[in-house]
Amino acid sequence: MLDDAGTDARDHLRHRGAQLTERIARLQETVSAVDRLMEAPATGMRLSPEEQIAIFGDDGRPS
């Protein structure tokens, strides 16, 4: 990428940085959801299967 004169390295890095920032935000949301789930028994809160899917995705991975 850096050696290719036809590639704008700054644009590529800017785009990649934006992708990483979005991923970090999603992961932070997932951490918050996990924290809420860990606190749920103490507060009596329960998540429906639909809410769990919305947080963790159909395959158990964060969406």
Protein backbone atom coordinates (compact mmCIF):
# COMPACT_ATOMS: atom_id res chain seq x y z
CA MET A 1 0.00 0.00 0.00
CA LEU A 2 2.66 2.53 1.00
CA ASP A 3 4.85 1.69 -2.00
CA ASP A 4 1.99 1.90 -4.52
CA ALA A 5 1.94 5.38 -6.07
CA GLY A 6 -1.72 4.87 -7.07
CA THR A 7 -2.81 4.37 -3.49
CA ASP A 8 -3.53 7.30 -1.24
CA ALA A 9 -2.15 6.02 2.04
CA ARG A 10 -3.74 8.79 4.10
CA ASP A 11 -7.21 8.05 2.74
CA HIS A 12 -6.71 4.35 3.37
CA LEU A 13 -5.49 4.95 6.92
CA ARG A 14 -8.31 7.41 7.60
CA HIS A 15 -10.84 4.82 6.41
CA ARG A 16 -9.21 2.07 8.46
CA GLY A 17 -9.15 4.33 11.52
CA ALA A 18 -12.87 5.00 11.13
CA GLN A 19 -13.55 1.26 10.87
CA LEU A 20 -11.57 0.60 14.04
CA THR A 21 -13.34 3.40 15.90
CA GLU A 22 -16.71 1.87 14.95
CA ARG A 23 -15.56 -1.56 16.08
CA ILE A 24 -14.33 -0.17 19.40
CA ALA A 25 -17.71 1.48 19.96
CA ARG A 26 -19.53 -1.82 19.28
CA LEU A 27 -17.20 -3.67 21.63
CA GLN A 28 -17.74 -1.06 24.35
CA GLU A 29 -21.50 -1.54 23.96
CA THR A 30 -21.00 -5.29 24.30
CA VAL A 31 -18.95 -4.86 27.46
CA SER A 32 -21.71 -2.68 28.91
CA ALA A 33 -24.30 -5.32 28.01
CA VAL A 34 -22.23 -8.05 29.67
CA ASP A 35 -21.87 -5.88 32.78
CA ARG A 36 -25.67 -5.43 32.87
CA LEU A 37 -26.16 -9.19 32.51
CA MET A 38 -23.77 -9.86 35.39
CA GLU A 39 -25.67 -7.38 37.58
CA ALA A 40 -29.08 -8.72 36.53
CA PRO A 41 -29.45 -11.41 39.21
CA ALA A 42 -28.89 -8.86 41.97
CA THR A 43 -31.49 -6.49 40.55
CA GLY A 44 -33.98 -9.11 39.37
CA MET A 45 -33.63 -7.92 35.78
CA ARG A 46 -34.05 -10.52 33.06
CA LEU A 47 -33.46 -10.15 29.33
CA SER A 48 -35.82 -11.76 26.89
CA PRO A 49 -34.35 -14.03 24.20
CA GLU A 50 -34.98 -11.22 21.70
CA GLU A 51 -33.02 -8.75 23.81
CA GLN A 52 -30.18 -11.24 24.18
CA ILE A 53 -30.08 -11.72 20.38
CA ALA A 54 -30.08 -7.94 19.88
CA ILE A 55 -27.05 -7.67 22.17
CA PHE A 56 -25.11 -10.81 21.26
CA GLY A 57 -26.38 -11.67 17.78
CA ASP A 58 -27.88 -14.93 16.57
CA ASP A 59 -24.61 -16.80 16.96
CA GLY A 60 -23.65 -15.41 20.35
CA ARG A 61 -21.20 -12.93 18.87
CA PRO A 62 -21.68 -9.20 19.28
CA SER A 63 -23.34 -7.63 16.29
